[in-house]
Amino acid sequence: MRILALQLKRIGDLVLTTPALRSLRAVWPDAKITLGVMDGTAGLLATIPFAQSGIVFGRGRGWTPWQQVLTGGWDMCFDFTGNDRSALATALSHARKRAGFEWMRRNRLRALVYNAWSPSKVREVHTARHYLDLVAAVAPGVAADLSPELVLPATAAELPPYALLHPGTARPEKYWLPERWAEVATHLHTAYGLQTIFTCGPDLSERAHVAAIPHANGPGKSEIRYPKELISLATLVAGARIVISCDTSVVHLAAAFRVPQIALFGPTNPFHWRPMHDRAVVLSAAQPEAPLTQFAPRMKEAPMEQISTGAVIRATDCLLALPR
């Protein structure tokens, strides 16, 4: 049995596809699963234990990934993506079973590609549930475990205890105020003796935002790191005592390693993207007085500045009081 799984979106989508991949492995334990990803997420392939091999799409890769799809001899193909590239790859796979979502039928050409359909609506369920529903359309009764899972290929050298703060994201409206990040870092250092590592991506706006945090690189307290490789960022996340971030890929990396975490949401709905383990706290600018415990497909948005420093520090104290 040879299975091709296609997730050609961003980091968070790939991490939230791991419950579906785990279900594929559980239903067909002897299958060879190949995972198709974009070059921007390929650094995580080695951390996904449910796939034996990968196919990487992207600029400059030419015909190679398409040839790999065309000659794979696939029995099944699961398209978790639903765009033109993944539809073409599904068609070229010539798999006997080709699974897609019902909403893909709105495009008549794409509708011709698939012969198995999931009725799951992405707006009505958590993103991990949506991807798991695609597997359930072919194998009803799969386990409903939505926990993402990544495994680091090797143990890195241990650092002194640290907190990881990731203030940046691709959307500036998700930024929290720089001085509030500094206040949280100061609290982590004075109350718990934790070094603070600020991580930052390559985007220039994101780097300017992190650089504006007062004393973000102060001696003995904080430092800024710019991981060039995705696996390096994942390793830093996995080793942290606590992770605090806005709504971005780090939320899903921390959830995949079950690291105590605080996720800050403002203009986006945490219903679809929230971490769902017992050491995760979700704070929403729309209801900033206390961590969210109830979630709905339609929730209010609000500016990030409505989340107070006190709310984040209280959540930090609660998480760090838990046994490790």
C-alpha atoms as a PDB file:
ATOM      1  CA  MET A   1       0.000   0.000   0.000  1.00  0.00           C
ATOM      2  CA  ARG A   2       1.413   3.374  -1.077  1.00  0.00           C
ATOM      3  CA  ILE A   3      -0.257   6.566   0.149  1.00  0.00           C
ATOM      4  CA  LEU A   4       0.443  10.117  -1.021  1.00  0.00           C
ATOM      5  CA  ALA A   5      -0.609  12.918   1.378  1.00  0.00           C
ATOM      6  CA  LEU A   6      -0.486  16.490   0.071  1.00  0.00           C
ATOM      7  CA  GLN A   7      -0.228  19.474   2.427  1.00  0.00           C
ATOM      8  CA  LEU A   8       1.044  22.370   0.343  1.00  0.00           C
ATOM      9  CA  LYS A   9       0.148  25.217   2.686  1.00  0.00           C
ATOM     10  CA  ARG A  10       1.997  26.874   5.553  1.00  0.00           C
ATOM     11  CA  ILE A  11       3.762  25.644   8.686  1.00  0.00           C
ATOM     12  CA  GLY A  12       0.684  25.694  10.921  1.00  0.00           C
ATOM     13  CA  ASP A  13      -1.348  23.720   8.400  1.00  0.00           C
ATOM     14  CA  LEU A  14       1.380  21.108   8.127  1.00  0.00           C
ATOM     15  CA  VAL A  15       1.656  20.673  11.895  1.00  0.00           C
ATOM     16  CA  LEU A  16      -2.127  20.410  12.207  1.00  0.00           C
ATOM     17  CA  THR A  17      -2.152  17.710   9.540  1.00  0.00           C
ATOM     18  CA  THR A  18      -0.116  15.364  11.757  1.00  0.00           C
ATOM     19  CA  PRO A  19      -3.210  13.966  13.574  1.00  0.00           C
ATOM     20  CA  ALA A  20      -4.586  12.935  10.172  1.00  0.00           C
ATOM     21  CA  LEU A  21      -1.250  11.371   9.218  1.00  0.00           C
ATOM     22  CA  ARG A  22      -1.199   9.510  12.523  1.00  0.00           C
ATOM     23  CA  SER A  23      -4.648   8.135  11.687  1.00  0.00           C
ATOM     24  CA  LEU A  24      -3.461   7.013   8.251  1.00  0.00           C
ATOM     25  CA  ARG A  25      -0.644   5.113   9.953  1.00  0.00           C
ATOM     26  CA  ALA A  26      -3.077   3.557  12.457  1.00  0.00           C
ATOM     27  CA  VAL A  27      -5.539   2.409   9.783  1.00  0.00           C
ATOM     28  CA  TRP A  28      -2.883   1.159   7.362  1.00  0.00           C
ATOM     29  CA  PRO A  29       0.119   0.298   9.579  1.00  0.00           C
ATOM     30  CA  ASP A  30       2.073  -1.351   6.769  1.00  0.00           C
ATOM     31  CA  ALA A  31       1.542   1.416   4.218  1.00  0.00           C
ATOM     32  CA  LYS A  32       4.353   3.536   2.876  1.00  0.00           C
ATOM     33  CA  ILE A  33       3.226   7.139   3.392  1.00  0.00           C
ATOM     34  CA  THR A  34       4.835   9.925   1.376  1.00  0.00           C
ATOM     35  CA  LEU A  35       4.130  13.521   2.354  1.00  0.00           C
ATOM     36  CA  GLY A  36       4.116  16.287  -0.241  1.00  0.00           C
ATOM     37  CA  VAL A  37       4.997  19.739   1.141  1.00  0.00           C
ATOM     38  CA  MET A  38       6.163  23.159  -0.008  1.00  0.00           C
ATOM     39  CA  ASP A  39       9.826  24.134   0.258  1.00  0.00           C
ATOM     40  CA  GLY A  40       9.018  26.628   3.032  1.00  0.00           C
ATOM     41  CA  THR A  41       7.894  23.801   5.330  1.00  0.00           C
ATOM     42  CA  ALA A  42      10.246  21.033   4.174  1.00  0.00           C
ATOM     43  CA  GLY A  43      12.448  21.563   7.241  1.00  0.00           C
ATOM     44  CA  LEU A  44       9.818  19.805   9.331  1.00  0.00           C
ATOM     45  CA  LEU A  45       9.724  16.604   7.261  1.00  0.00           C
ATOM     46  CA  ALA A  46      12.308  14.938   9.488  1.00  0.00           C
ATOM     47  CA  THR A  47      10.163  15.626  12.572  1.00  0.00           C
ATOM     48  CA  ILE A  48       6.990  13.941  11.298  1.00  0.00           C
ATOM     49  CA  PRO A  49       7.121  10.294  12.398  1.00  0.00           C
ATOM     50  CA  PHE A  50       4.168   9.081  10.340  1.00  0.00           C
ATOM     51  CA  ALA A  51       5.663   9.553   6.861  1.00  0.00           C
ATOM     52  CA  GLN A  52       8.552   7.540   5.468  1.00  0.00           C
ATOM     53  CA  SER A  53       9.475   9.976   2.694  1.00  0.00           C
ATOM     54  CA  GLY A  54       8.705  13.408   1.307  1.00  0.00           C
ATOM     55  CA  ILE A  55       8.211  15.243  -1.967  1.00  0.00           C
ATOM     56  CA  VAL A  56       9.075  18.946  -1.913  1.00  0.00           C
ATOM     57  CA  PHE A  57       7.363  21.412  -4.263  1.00  0.00           C
ATOM     58  CA  GLY A  58       8.448  24.983  -4.902  1.00  0.00           C
ATOM     59  CA  ARG A  59      10.246  27.393  -7.165  1.00  0.00           C
ATOM     60  CA  GLY A  60      13.422  26.131  -8.723  1.00  0.00           C
ATOM     61  CA  ARG A  61      12.553  22.470  -8.221  1.00  0.00           C
ATOM     62  CA  GLY A  62      11.493  22.031 -11.806  1.00  0.00           C
ATOM     63  CA  TRP A  63       9.946  18.772 -12.984  1.00  0.00           C
ATOM     64  CA  THR A  64      11.410  16.633 -10.177  1.00  0.00           C
ATOM     65  CA  PRO A  65       8.479  16.666  -7.692  1.00  0.00           C
ATOM     66  CA  TRP A  66       5.957  16.124 -10.466  1.00  0.00           C
ATOM     67  CA  GLN A  67       7.932  13.173 -11.780  1.00  0.00           C
ATOM     68  CA  GLN A  68       8.005  11.708  -8.269  1.00  0.00           C
ATOM     69  CA  VAL A  69       4.221  12.007  -8.104  1.00  0.00           C
ATOM     70  CA  LEU A  70       3.687  10.587 -11.576  1.00  0.00           C
ATOM     71  CA  THR A  71       5.864   7.520 -11.024  1.00  0.00           C
ATOM     72  CA  GLY A  72       4.922   6.763  -7.400  1.00  0.00           C
ATOM     73  CA  GLY A  73       2.517   3.902  -8.045  1.00  0.00           C
ATOM     74  CA  TRP A  74       0.048   5.267  -5.478  1.00  0.00           C
ATOM     75  CA  ASP A  75      -2.931   3.370  -4.150  1.00  0.00           C
ATOM     76  CA  MET A  76      -4.453   6.384  -2.400  1.00  0.00           C
ATOM     77  CA  CYS A  77      -3.978  10.139  -2.463  1.00  0.00           C
ATOM     78  CA  PHE A  78      -5.285  12.504   0.220  1.00  0.00           C
ATOM     79  CA  ASP A  79      -5.350  16.172  -0.811  1.00  0.00           C
ATOM     80  CA  PHE A  80      -5.387  18.210   2.411  1.00  0.00           C
ATOM     81  CA  THR A  81      -4.667  21.412   0.475  1.00  0.00           C
ATOM     82  CA  GLY A  82      -7.324  22.030  -2.159  1.00  0.00           C
ATOM     83  CA  ASN A  83      -5.515  24.420  -4.491  1.00  0.00           C
ATOM     84  CA  ASP A  84      -4.605  24.126  -8.184  1.00  0.00           C
ATOM     85  CA  ARG A  85      -1.149  22.689  -7.491  1.00  0.00           C
ATOM     86  CA  SER A  86      -2.431  19.954  -5.193  1.00  0.00           C
ATOM     87  CA  ALA A  87      -5.318  19.121  -7.545  1.00  0.00           C
ATOM     88  CA  LEU A  88      -2.851  18.665 -10.403  1.00  0.00           C
ATOM     89  CA  ALA A  89      -0.618  16.481  -8.230  1.00  0.00           C
ATOM     90  CA  THR A  90      -3.646  14.400  -7.219  1.00  0.00           C
ATOM     91  CA  ALA A  91      -4.593  13.899 -10.860  1.00  0.00           C
ATOM     92  CA  LEU A  92      -1.043  12.942 -11.827  1.00  0.00           C
ATOM     93  CA  SER A  93      -0.863  10.434  -8.989  1.00  0.00           C
ATOM     94  CA  HIS A  94      -3.343   8.143 -10.821  1.00  0.00           C
ATOM     95  CA  ALA A  95      -4.229   6.729  -7.387  1.00  0.00           C
ATOM     96  CA  ARG A  96      -7.214   4.408  -7.261  1.00  0.00           C
ATOM     97  CA  LYS A  97      -8.660   6.412  -4.344  1.00  0.00           C
ATOM     98  CA  ARG A  98      -8.317  10.201  -4.523  1.00  0.00           C
ATOM     99  CA  ALA A  99      -9.831  12.052  -1.568  1.00  0.00           C
ATOM    100  CA  GLY A 100     -10.743  15.737  -1.407  1.00  0.00           C
ATOM    101  CA  PHE A 101     -13.167  18.067   0.357  1.00  0.00           C
ATOM    102  CA  GLU A 102     -16.695  18.790  -0.851  1.00  0.00           C
ATOM    103  CA  TRP A 103     -15.926  22.498  -1.103  1.00  0.00           C
ATOM    104  CA  MET A 104     -13.451  21.681  -3.885  1.00  0.00           C
ATOM    105  CA  ARG A 105     -16.403  20.790  -6.112  1.00  0.00           C
ATOM    106  CA  ARG A 106     -17.111  24.479  -6.632  1.00  0.00           C
ATOM    107  CA  ASN A 107     -14.333  24.353  -9.225  1.00  0.00           C
ATOM    108  CA  ARG A 108     -15.582  22.102 -12.027  1.00  0.00           C
ATOM    109  CA  LEU A 109     -12.125  21.106 -13.218  1.00  0.00           C
ATOM    110  CA  ARG A 110     -10.991  20.170  -9.710  1.00  0.00           C
ATOM    111  CA  ALA A 111     -14.192  18.212  -9.166  1.00  0.00           C
ATOM    112  CA  LEU A 112     -13.124  15.804 -11.920  1.00  0.00           C
ATOM    113  CA  VAL A 113      -9.947  14.870 -10.039  1.00  0.00           C
ATOM    114  CA  TYR A 114     -11.393  13.166  -6.939  1.00  0.00           C
ATOM    115  CA  ASN A 115     -13.550  10.103  -6.319  1.00  0.00           C
ATOM    116  CA  ALA A 116     -13.894  10.304  -2.522  1.00  0.00           C
ATOM    117  CA  TRP A 117     -15.244  13.334  -0.678  1.00  0.00           C
ATOM    118  CA  SER A 118     -15.289  14.736   2.846  1.00  0.00           C
ATOM    119  CA  PRO A 119     -18.229  17.009   3.743  1.00  0.00           C
ATOM    120  CA  SER A 120     -16.154  18.762   6.435  1.00  0.00           C
ATOM    121  CA  LYS A 121     -16.450  22.561   6.418  1.00  0.00           C
ATOM    122  CA  VAL A 122     -13.297  24.335   7.517  1.00  0.00           C
ATOM    123  CA  ARG A 123     -15.227  27.257   9.017  1.00  0.00           C
ATOM    124  CA  GLU A 124     -17.187  24.984  11.326  1.00  0.00           C
ATOM    125  CA  VAL A 125     -14.430  22.899  12.937  1.00  0.00           C
ATOM    126  CA  HIS A 126     -10.895  23.225  14.269  1.00  0.00           C
ATOM    127  CA  THR A 127      -8.349  22.994  11.449  1.00  0.00           C
ATOM    128  CA  ALA A 128      -6.906  19.717  12.782  1.00  0.00           C
ATOM    129  CA  ARG A 129     -10.423  18.243  12.860  1.00  0.00           C
ATOM    130  CA  HIS A 130     -10.983  19.374   9.262  1.00  0.00           C
ATOM    131  CA  TYR A 131      -7.894  17.507   8.069  1.00  0.00           C
ATOM    132  CA  LEU A 132      -8.745  14.435  10.118  1.00  0.00           C
ATOM    133  CA  ASP A 133     -12.212  14.425   8.551  1.00  0.00           C
ATOM    134  CA  LEU A 134     -10.623  13.774   5.158  1.00  0.00           C
ATOM    135  CA  VAL A 135      -9.171  10.496   6.436  1.00  0.00           C
ATOM    136  CA  ALA A 136     -12.489   9.629   8.070  1.00  0.00           C
ATOM    137  CA  ALA A 137     -14.213  10.001   4.689  1.00  0.00           C
ATOM    138  CA  VAL A 138     -12.240   6.983   3.451  1.00  0.00           C
ATOM    139  CA  ALA A 139     -11.803   5.131   6.766  1.00  0.00           C
ATOM    140  CA  PRO A 140     -14.840   5.835   9.011  1.00  0.00           C
ATOM    141  CA  GLY A 141     -14.300   5.418  12.724  1.00  0.00           C
ATOM    142  CA  VAL A 142     -10.745   6.757  12.943  1.00  0.00           C
ATOM    143  CA  ALA A 143      -9.639   7.958  16.372  1.00  0.00           C
ATOM    144  CA  ALA A 144     -10.605  11.567  17.104  1.00  0.00           C
ATOM    145  CA  ASP A 145      -7.249  12.555  18.654  1.00  0.00           C
ATOM    146  CA  LEU A 146      -6.521  16.099  17.442  1.00  0.00           C
ATOM    147  CA  SER A 147      -3.158  16.491  19.196  1.00  0.00           C
ATOM    148  CA  PRO A 148      -0.419  17.498  16.740  1.00  0.00           C
ATOM    149  CA  GLU A 149       2.811  15.548  17.076  1.00  0.00           C
ATOM    150  CA  LEU A 150       6.395  16.209  16.042  1.00  0.00           C
ATOM    151  CA  VAL A 151       9.525  14.332  17.099  1.00  0.00           C
ATOM    152  CA  LEU A 152      12.987  15.878  16.936  1.00  0.00           C
ATOM    153  CA  PRO A 153      15.428  13.586  15.114  1.00  0.00           C
ATOM    154  CA  ALA A 154      18.217  14.104  17.659  1.00  0.00           C
ATOM    155  CA  THR A 155      18.656  15.590  21.122  1.00  0.00           C
ATOM    156  CA  ALA A 156      20.311  18.982  21.002  1.00  0.00           C
ATOM    157  CA  ALA A 157      22.695  20.300  23.633  1.00  0.00           C
ATOM    158  CA  GLU A 158      20.722  21.571  26.622  1.00  0.00           C
ATOM    159  CA  LEU A 159      20.630  25.289  27.395  1.00  0.00           C
ATOM    160  CA  PRO A 160      20.130  26.872  30.812  1.00  0.00           C
ATOM    161  CA  PRO A 161      16.390  27.127  31.594  1.00  0.00           C
ATOM    162  CA  TYR A 162      14.780  29.675  29.301  1.00  0.00           C
ATOM    163  CA  ALA A 163      11.449  31.062  28.141  1.00  0.00           C
ATOM    164  CA  LEU A 164      10.830  31.527  24.439  1.00  0.00           C
ATOM    165  CA  LEU A 165       8.920  34.604  23.307  1.00  0.00           C
ATOM    166  CA  HIS A 166       7.950  34.950  19.653  1.00  0.00           C
ATOM    167  CA  PRO A 167       6.411  38.409  19.083  1.00  0.00           C
ATOM    168  CA  GLY A 168       6.380  38.405  15.268  1.00  0.00           C
ATOM    169  CA  THR A 169       4.071  37.149  12.561  1.00  0.00           C
ATOM    170  CA  ALA A 170       3.338  37.781   8.904  1.00  0.00           C
ATOM    171  CA  ARG A 171       0.467  40.133   9.777  1.00  0.00           C
ATOM    172  CA  PRO A 172       1.402  43.325  11.690  1.00  0.00           C
ATOM    173  CA  GLU A 173      -2.132  43.638  13.103  1.00  0.00           C
ATOM    174  CA  LYS A 174      -1.309  40.595  15.236  1.00  0.00           C
ATOM    175  CA  TYR A 175       1.613  42.382  16.931  1.00  0.00           C
ATOM    176  CA  TRP A 176       1.370  42.956  20.680  1.00  0.00           C
ATOM    177  CA  LEU A 177       2.905  46.142  22.099  1.00  0.00           C
ATOM    178  CA  PRO A 178       6.741  46.010  22.379  1.00  0.00           C
ATOM    179  CA  GLU A 179       6.880  47.393  25.922  1.00  0.00           C
ATOM    180  CA  ARG A 180       4.512  44.676  27.124  1.00  0.00           C
ATOM    181  CA  TRP A 181       6.779  41.947  25.762  1.00  0.00           C
ATOM    182  CA  ALA A 182       9.608  43.599  27.723  1.00  0.00           C
ATOM    183  CA  GLU A 183       7.548  43.607  30.930  1.00  0.00           C
ATOM    184  CA  VAL A 184       6.803  39.899  30.544  1.00  0.00           C
ATOM    185  CA  ALA A 185      10.483  39.133  29.906  1.00  0.00           C
ATOM    186  CA  THR A 186      11.450  41.084  33.018  1.00  0.00           C
ATOM    187  CA  HIS A 187       8.916  39.144  35.097  1.00  0.00           C
ATOM    188  CA  LEU A 188      10.206  35.797  33.807  1.00  0.00           C
ATOM    189  CA  HIS A 189      13.734  36.763  34.767  1.00  0.00           C
ATOM    190  CA  THR A 190      13.052  38.317  38.194  1.00  0.00           C
ATOM    191  CA  ALA A 191      10.393  35.829  39.377  1.00  0.00           C
ATOM    192  CA  TYR A 192      11.775  32.603  37.922  1.00  0.00           C
ATOM    193  CA  GLY A 193      15.373  33.278  36.932  1.00  0.00           C
ATOM    194  CA  LEU A 194      14.600  32.372  33.328  1.00  0.00           C
ATOM    195  CA  GLN A 195      16.627  33.687  30.471  1.00  0.00           C
ATOM    196  CA  THR A 196      14.349  34.968  27.698  1.00  0.00           C
ATOM    197  CA  ILE A 197      15.023  34.032  24.090  1.00  0.00           C
ATOM    198  CA  PHE A 198      13.150  36.160  21.573  1.00  0.00           C
ATOM    199  CA  THR A 199      12.860  34.423  18.211  1.00  0.00           C
ATOM    200  CA  CYS A 200      12.180  36.190  14.947  1.00  0.00           C
ATOM    201  CA  GLY A 201      11.644  35.293  11.298  1.00  0.00           C
ATOM    202  CA  PRO A 202      13.260  36.889   8.224  1.00  0.00           C
ATOM    203  CA  ASP A 203      10.489  39.413   7.482  1.00  0.00           C
ATOM    204  CA  LEU A 204      11.845  42.966   7.812  1.00  0.00           C
ATOM    205  CA  SER A 205       8.709  44.298   9.498  1.00  0.00           C
ATOM    206  CA  GLU A 206       8.829  41.459  12.010  1.00  0.00           C
ATOM    207  CA  ARG A 207      12.500  42.135  12.746  1.00  0.00           C
ATOM    208  CA  ALA A 208      11.811  45.833  13.270  1.00  0.00           C
ATOM    209  CA  HIS A 209       9.010  44.950  15.676  1.00  0.00           C
ATOM    210  CA  VAL A 210      11.257  42.675  17.743  1.00  0.00           C
ATOM    211  CA  ALA A 211      14.089  45.195  17.691  1.00  0.00           C
ATOM    212  CA  ALA A 212      11.694  47.776  19.164  1.00  0.00           C
ATOM    213  CA  ILE A 213      11.195  45.710  22.327  1.00  0.00           C
ATOM    214  CA  PRO A 214      13.064  47.562  25.124  1.00  0.00           C
ATOM    215  CA  HIS A 215      16.159  45.696  26.326  1.00  0.00           C
ATOM    216  CA  ALA A 216      15.231  42.612  24.265  1.00  0.00           C
ATOM    217  CA  ASN A 217      18.915  41.834  24.038  1.00  0.00           C
ATOM    218  CA  GLY A 218      19.964  42.947  27.493  1.00  0.00           C
ATOM    219  CA  PRO A 219      22.919  41.089  29.019  1.00  0.00           C
ATOM    220  CA  GLY A 220      22.065  38.163  31.284  1.00  0.00           C
ATOM    221  CA  LYS A 221      18.343  38.514  30.738  1.00  0.00           C
ATOM    222  CA  SER A 222      17.322  38.332  27.102  1.00  0.00           C
ATOM    223  CA  GLU A 223      18.647  37.713  23.642  1.00  0.00           C
ATOM    224  CA  ILE A 224      17.240  37.727  20.123  1.00  0.00           C
ATOM    225  CA  ARG A 225      17.753  34.747  17.832  1.00  0.00           C
ATOM    226  CA  TYR A 226      17.033  34.518  14.128  1.00  0.00           C
ATOM    227  CA  PRO A 227      16.863  30.787  13.332  1.00  0.00           C
ATOM    228  CA  LYS A 228      17.731  30.262   9.686  1.00  0.00           C
ATOM    229  CA  GLU A 229      16.394  26.721   9.609  1.00  0.00           C
ATOM    230  CA  LEU A 230      12.901  25.657  10.601  1.00  0.00           C
ATOM    231  CA  ILE A 231      14.287  22.687  12.505  1.00  0.00           C
ATOM    232  CA  SER A 232      16.385  25.114  14.590  1.00  0.00           C
ATOM    233  CA  LEU A 233      13.277  27.064  15.566  1.00  0.00           C
ATOM    234  CA  ALA A 234      11.446  23.825  16.396  1.00  0.00           C
ATOM    235  CA  THR A 235      14.355  22.730  18.599  1.00  0.00           C
ATOM    236  CA  LEU A 236      14.309  26.009  20.518  1.00  0.00           C
ATOM    237  CA  VAL A 237      10.550  25.728  21.017  1.00  0.00           C
ATOM    238  CA  ALA A 238      10.775  22.133  22.223  1.00  0.00           C
ATOM    239  CA  GLY A 239      13.409  22.979  24.836  1.00  0.00           C
ATOM    240  CA  ALA A 240      11.668  26.001  26.349  1.00  0.00           C
ATOM    241  CA  ARG A 241      10.217  26.074  29.860  1.00  0.00           C
ATOM    242  CA  ILE A 242       7.334  28.165  28.504  1.00  0.00           C
ATOM    243  CA  VAL A 243       6.445  29.624  25.084  1.00  0.00           C
ATOM    244  CA  ILE A 244       4.518  32.864  24.606  1.00  0.00           C
ATOM    245  CA  SER A 245       3.555  33.976  21.116  1.00  0.00           C
ATOM    246  CA  CYS A 246       0.919  35.647  19.037  1.00  0.00           C
ATOM    247  CA  ASP A 247      -1.140  33.663  16.525  1.00  0.00           C
ATOM    248  CA  THR A 248       1.593  32.247  14.312  1.00  0.00           C
ATOM    249  CA  SER A 249       3.393  28.992  13.516  1.00  0.00           C
ATOM    250  CA  VAL A 250       5.131  28.881  16.915  1.00  0.00           C
ATOM    251  CA  VAL A 251       1.707  28.224  18.506  1.00  0.00           C
ATOM    252  CA  HIS A 252       1.515  24.933  16.629  1.00  0.00           C
ATOM    253  CA  LEU A 253       5.143  23.975  17.172  1.00  0.00           C
ATOM    254  CA  ALA A 254       4.726  24.414  20.935  1.00  0.00           C
ATOM    255  CA  ALA A 255       1.509  22.389  20.881  1.00  0.00           C
ATOM    256  CA  ALA A 256       3.218  19.591  18.958  1.00  0.00           C
ATOM    257  CA  PHE A 257       5.850  19.283  21.701  1.00  0.00           C
ATOM    258  CA  ARG A 258       3.321  19.812  24.558  1.00  0.00           C
ATOM    259  CA  VAL A 259       5.295  22.789  25.878  1.00  0.00           C
ATOM    260  CA  PRO A 260       3.433  25.059  28.343  1.00  0.00           C
ATOM    261  CA  GLN A 261       2.309  27.968  26.212  1.00  0.00           C
ATOM    262  CA  ILE A 262       0.311  31.171  26.009  1.00  0.00           C
ATOM    263  CA  ALA A 263      -1.212  32.052  22.638  1.00  0.00           C
ATOM    264  CA  LEU A 264      -2.356  35.645  22.050  1.00  0.00           C
ATOM    265  CA  PHE A 265      -5.212  36.209  19.601  1.00  0.00           C
ATOM    266  CA  GLY A 266      -6.654  39.521  18.415  1.00  0.00           C
ATOM    267  CA  PRO A 267      -7.870  39.841  14.817  1.00  0.00           C
ATOM    268  CA  THR A 268      -8.139  36.069  14.295  1.00  0.00           C
ATOM    269  CA  ASN A 269     -10.505  33.503  15.742  1.00  0.00           C
ATOM    270  CA  PRO A 270      -8.815  31.007  18.087  1.00  0.00           C
ATOM    271  CA  PHE A 271     -11.583  28.484  17.407  1.00  0.00           C
ATOM    272  CA  HIS A 272      -9.837  27.294  14.252  1.00  0.00           C
ATOM    273  CA  TRP A 273      -6.176  27.559  15.290  1.00  0.00           C
ATOM    274  CA  ARG A 274      -5.938  27.309  19.071  1.00  0.00           C
ATOM    275  CA  PRO A 275      -3.608  24.843  20.814  1.00  0.00           C
ATOM    276  CA  MET A 276      -5.651  22.130  22.512  1.00  0.00           C
ATOM    277  CA  HIS A 277      -3.502  20.550  25.199  1.00  0.00           C
ATOM    278  CA  ASP A 278      -3.810  20.916  28.961  1.00  0.00           C
ATOM    279  CA  ARG A 279      -0.805  23.237  29.305  1.00  0.00           C
ATOM    280  CA  ALA A 280      -2.018  25.803  26.796  1.00  0.00           C
ATOM    281  CA  VAL A 281      -3.642  29.130  27.667  1.00  0.00           C
ATOM    282  CA  VAL A 282      -5.488  31.128  25.023  1.00  0.00           C
ATOM    283  CA  LEU A 283      -5.941  34.872  25.552  1.00  0.00           C
ATOM    284  CA  SER A 284      -8.214  36.809  23.208  1.00  0.00           C
ATOM    285  CA  ALA A 285      -8.258  40.582  22.848  1.00  0.00           C
ATOM    286  CA  ALA A 286     -12.031  40.338  22.438  1.00  0.00           C
ATOM    287  CA  GLN A 287     -12.378  38.862  25.956  1.00  0.00           C
ATOM    288  CA  PRO A 288      -9.130  39.898  27.665  1.00  0.00           C
ATOM    289  CA  GLU A 289     -10.230  39.614  31.284  1.00  0.00           C
ATOM    290  CA  ALA A 290      -9.500  35.867  31.558  1.00  0.00           C
ATOM    291  CA  PRO A 291      -8.232  32.935  29.459  1.00  0.00           C
ATOM    292  CA  LEU A 292     -10.780  31.561  27.016  1.00  0.00           C
ATOM    293  CA  THR A 293     -12.398  28.258  27.884  1.00  0.00           C
ATOM    294  CA  GLN A 294     -15.213  28.264  25.334  1.00  0.00           C
ATOM    295  CA  PHE A 295     -14.793  28.665  21.595  1.00  0.00           C
ATOM    296  CA  ALA A 296     -17.200  29.168  18.697  1.00  0.00           C
ATOM    297  CA  PRO A 297     -16.856  29.262  14.900  1.00  0.00           C
ATOM    298  CA  ARG A 298     -17.779  32.946  14.939  1.00  0.00           C
ATOM    299  CA  MET A 299     -16.118  35.109  17.554  1.00  0.00           C
ATOM    300  CA  LYS A 300     -15.440  38.821  17.842  1.00  0.00           C
ATOM    301  CA  GLU A 301     -12.159  40.404  16.837  1.00  0.00           C
ATOM    302  CA  ALA A 302     -10.337  43.124  18.763  1.00  0.00           C
ATOM    303  CA  PRO A 303      -7.013  45.025  18.674  1.00  0.00           C
ATOM    304  CA  MET A 304      -4.121  43.191  20.306  1.00  0.00           C
ATOM    305  CA  GLU A 305      -3.445  46.130  22.645  1.00  0.00           C
ATOM    306  CA  GLN A 306      -6.540  45.153  24.636  1.00  0.00           C
ATOM    307  CA  ILE A 307      -4.611  42.176  26.066  1.00  0.00           C
ATOM    308  CA  SER A 308      -2.972  43.505  29.232  1.00  0.00           C
ATOM    309  CA  THR A 309       0.463  42.662  30.563  1.00  0.00           C
ATOM    310  CA  GLY A 310      -1.189  41.560  33.795  1.00  0.00           C
ATOM    311  CA  ALA A 311      -3.316  38.954  32.012  1.00  0.00           C
ATOM    312  CA  VAL A 312      -0.243  37.434  30.384  1.00  0.00           C
ATOM    313  CA  ILE A 313       1.776  37.451  33.616  1.00  0.00           C
ATOM    314  CA  ARG A 314      -1.073  35.790  35.536  1.00  0.00           C
ATOM    315  CA  ALA A 315      -1.287  33.069  32.890  1.00  0.00           C
ATOM    316  CA  THR A 316       2.494  32.682  33.020  1.00  0.00           C
ATOM    317  CA  ASP A 317       2.433  32.209  36.794  1.00  0.00           C
ATOM    318  CA  CYS A 318      -0.300  29.554  36.520  1.00  0.00           C
ATOM    319  CA  LEU A 319       1.586  27.552  33.924  1.00  0.00           C
ATOM    320  CA  LEU A 320       4.946  27.726  35.677  1.00  0.00           C
ATOM    321  CA  ALA A 321       3.319  26.538  38.916  1.00  0.00           C
ATOM    322  CA  LEU A 322       2.492  23.220  37.224  1.00  0.00           C
ATOM    323  CA  PRO A 323       4.905  20.315  37.736  1.00  0.00           C
ATOM    324  CA  ARG A 324       7.247  19.856  34.808  1.00  0.00           C
END
